[in-house]
Structure formats: structure tokens, C-alpha cells
Amino acid sequence: QPVESGGGLVQPGGSLRLSCAVPEGTFTKYDMEWWHQAPGKQREMVASITRTGRTTEYADPVKGRFTISRDLAMSIAYLQMDLLQPDDSGFYYCNARYGQNNCWGRGTQVYVTS
């Protein structure tokens, strides 16, 4: 099961880097995704990266502000979040996807407020 970390409290305009650790030996088989669930709303995907790291995709609200990456040696996926806004608040979940199989982490909470 993936394990997320790096959430916290930040002021608008600030930055956070989320990490998602995946058990060694399995990381390279997964496409990795970050999902955001704001209070009272459905979970939505904000970024994804393929197994090789060659292709990334972003949801429109985070384009130019968030960057997804992966460290194959460390078996960790990252989500660098810059220029954070109050609407970015909520839980962030990591999903390790292999075909139709999904393996979700428990999430890490981000709170953007002045």
C-alpha cells in the first residue's frame, strides 16, 4: 500500500511537496496518480505519471503550479505544489495503478489559509 506524507498548513502562495512511498520491488510496474478531495466534494485526479516517467498529465486547475515526478531508485512519487490557493485544501491521495488495478494510500491533508 502506498504511504503519503508531506501535507500540512501553508499560506496562500506557498509551496508543499507531497511524497508517496511504494514498497520496493513493485514501483516500476505502476503508473502513479495524485488525487485531490476537497471538503464535501468528490475525489478528482490532479496529476499522473507513467511507469517510465516519460509522460505526465495535469488537471487544468493545477497546470503550471503542480509538478509530478518519480524517483525510481527510491520508489517514491512526488507532487510539488507551488502557488497554493485555498481551493487546493483537502486530502491528497496517491494511487498506484497497474492496468485496472488500483492501490490507494490513506491520504495526507493540505490546508491553505492565511
Protein backbone atom coordinates (compact mmCIF):
# COMPACT_ATOMS: atom_id res chain seq x y z
CA GLN A 1 0.00 0.00 0.00
CA PRO A 2 1.36 3.45 -0.88
CA VAL A 3 2.09 5.80 2.02
CA GLU A 4 1.68 9.55 1.55
CA SER A 5 3.42 12.27 3.54
CA GLY A 6 4.25 15.96 3.32
CA GLY A 7 0.89 17.58 3.92
CA GLY A 8 0.41 20.46 6.31
CA LEU A 9 -0.66 24.04 6.81
CA VAL A 10 0.56 26.67 4.37
CA GLN A 11 -0.31 30.26 3.48
CA PRO A 12 -1.71 31.17 0.06
CA GLY A 13 1.10 31.43 -2.46
CA GLY A 14 3.19 28.94 -0.55
CA SER A 15 4.54 25.52 -1.52
CA LEU A 16 4.45 21.95 -0.32
CA ARG A 17 5.98 18.75 -1.62
CA LEU A 18 3.99 15.56 -1.14
CA SER A 19 5.66 12.17 -1.21
CA CYS A 20 4.23 8.74 -1.94
CA ALA A 21 6.34 5.76 -0.93
CA VAL A 22 5.66 2.43 -2.64
CA PRO A 23 7.04 -0.93 -1.49
CA GLU A 24 10.38 -1.67 -3.12
CA GLY A 25 10.38 -4.08 -6.00
CA THR A 26 6.96 -3.06 -7.30
CA PHE A 27 7.30 0.64 -8.07
CA THR A 28 8.34 0.36 -11.70
CA LYS A 29 5.22 -1.56 -12.71
CA TYR A 30 2.82 1.21 -11.65
CA ASP A 31 1.57 4.36 -13.25
CA MET A 32 1.28 6.84 -10.39
CA GLU A 33 -1.53 9.32 -9.77
CA TRP A 34 -2.29 12.06 -7.28
CA TRP A 35 -5.91 12.78 -6.45
CA HIS A 36 -7.44 15.65 -4.51
CA GLN A 37 -10.59 15.56 -2.42
CA ALA A 38 -11.82 18.91 -1.18
CA PRO A 39 -14.26 19.02 1.77
CA GLY A 40 -17.71 17.95 0.62
CA LYS A 41 -16.59 17.17 -2.92
CA GLN A 42 -15.69 14.12 -4.97
CA ARG A 43 -12.15 12.93 -5.35
CA GLU A 44 -10.55 14.24 -8.57
CA MET A 45 -7.27 13.38 -10.24
CA VAL A 46 -4.84 16.29 -10.39
CA ALA A 47 -1.72 14.67 -11.86
CA SER A 48 -0.42 11.42 -13.29
CA ILE A 49 2.88 10.00 -14.46
CA THR A 50 3.58 6.86 -16.44
CA ARG A 51 5.72 3.93 -15.28
CA THR A 52 8.75 5.24 -17.12
CA GLY A 53 8.21 8.83 -16.08
CA ARG A 54 8.17 9.98 -19.68
CA THR A 55 4.59 11.21 -19.76
CA THR A 56 2.78 13.41 -17.29
CA GLU A 57 -0.72 14.86 -17.28
CA TYR A 58 -2.34 17.55 -15.16
CA ALA A 59 -5.83 18.77 -14.43
CA ASP A 60 -6.45 22.28 -15.72
CA PRO A 61 -6.69 23.96 -12.28
CA VAL A 62 -3.15 22.89 -11.35
CA LYS A 63 -1.32 23.27 -14.67
CA GLY A 64 1.74 25.45 -14.24
CA ARG A 65 1.57 25.18 -10.44
CA PHE A 66 1.95 21.46 -9.65
CA THR A 67 4.65 19.08 -10.85
CA ILE A 68 4.54 15.29 -10.56
CA SER A 69 7.73 13.26 -10.63
CA ARG A 70 9.06 9.89 -9.56
CA ASP A 71 12.35 8.62 -8.20
CA LEU A 72 12.80 5.07 -9.44
CA ALA A 73 15.76 4.38 -7.15
CA MET A 74 13.85 5.44 -4.04
CA SER A 75 10.43 4.07 -5.12
CA ILE A 76 8.82 7.44 -4.35
CA ALA A 77 6.45 9.60 -6.33
CA TYR A 78 6.31 13.32 -5.61
CA LEU A 79 3.85 16.13 -6.10
CA GLN A 80 5.47 19.56 -5.93
CA MET A 81 2.74 22.11 -5.28
CA ASP A 82 3.53 25.79 -5.78
CA LEU A 83 1.39 28.93 -5.67
CA LEU A 84 -1.07 27.14 -3.44
CA GLN A 85 -4.57 28.55 -3.14
CA PRO A 86 -7.33 27.98 -0.56
CA ASP A 87 -9.19 25.80 -3.11
CA ASP A 88 -6.22 23.40 -3.03
CA SER A 89 -7.09 22.48 0.55
CA GLY A 90 -8.24 18.95 1.30
CA PHE A 91 -6.87 15.45 1.28
CA TYR A 92 -4.39 14.27 -1.32
CA TYR A 93 -4.29 10.59 -2.18
CA CYS A 94 -1.70 8.62 -4.07
CA ASN A 95 -2.86 5.83 -6.37
CA ALA A 96 -0.55 3.20 -7.81
CA ARG A 97 -2.30 1.92 -10.92
CA TYR A 98 -1.49 -1.27 -12.80
CA GLY A 99 -3.95 -1.87 -15.59
CA GLN A 100 -7.38 -1.91 -13.98
CA ASN A 101 -5.93 -2.45 -10.53
CA ASN A 102 -5.72 0.47 -8.14
CA CYS A 103 -3.81 0.64 -4.89
CA TRP A 104 -4.68 3.68 -2.81
CA GLY A 105 -2.85 5.30 0.05
CA ARG A 106 -4.65 6.72 3.08
CA GLY A 107 -4.01 10.33 2.13
CA THR A 108 -2.30 13.39 3.52
CA GLN A 109 -4.08 16.62 4.40
CA VAL A 110 -3.26 20.03 2.99
CA TYR A 111 -4.69 23.23 4.44
CA VAL A 112 -4.12 26.53 2.66
CA THR A 113 -5.15 29.51 4.74
CA SER A 114 -3.91 32.89 5.84
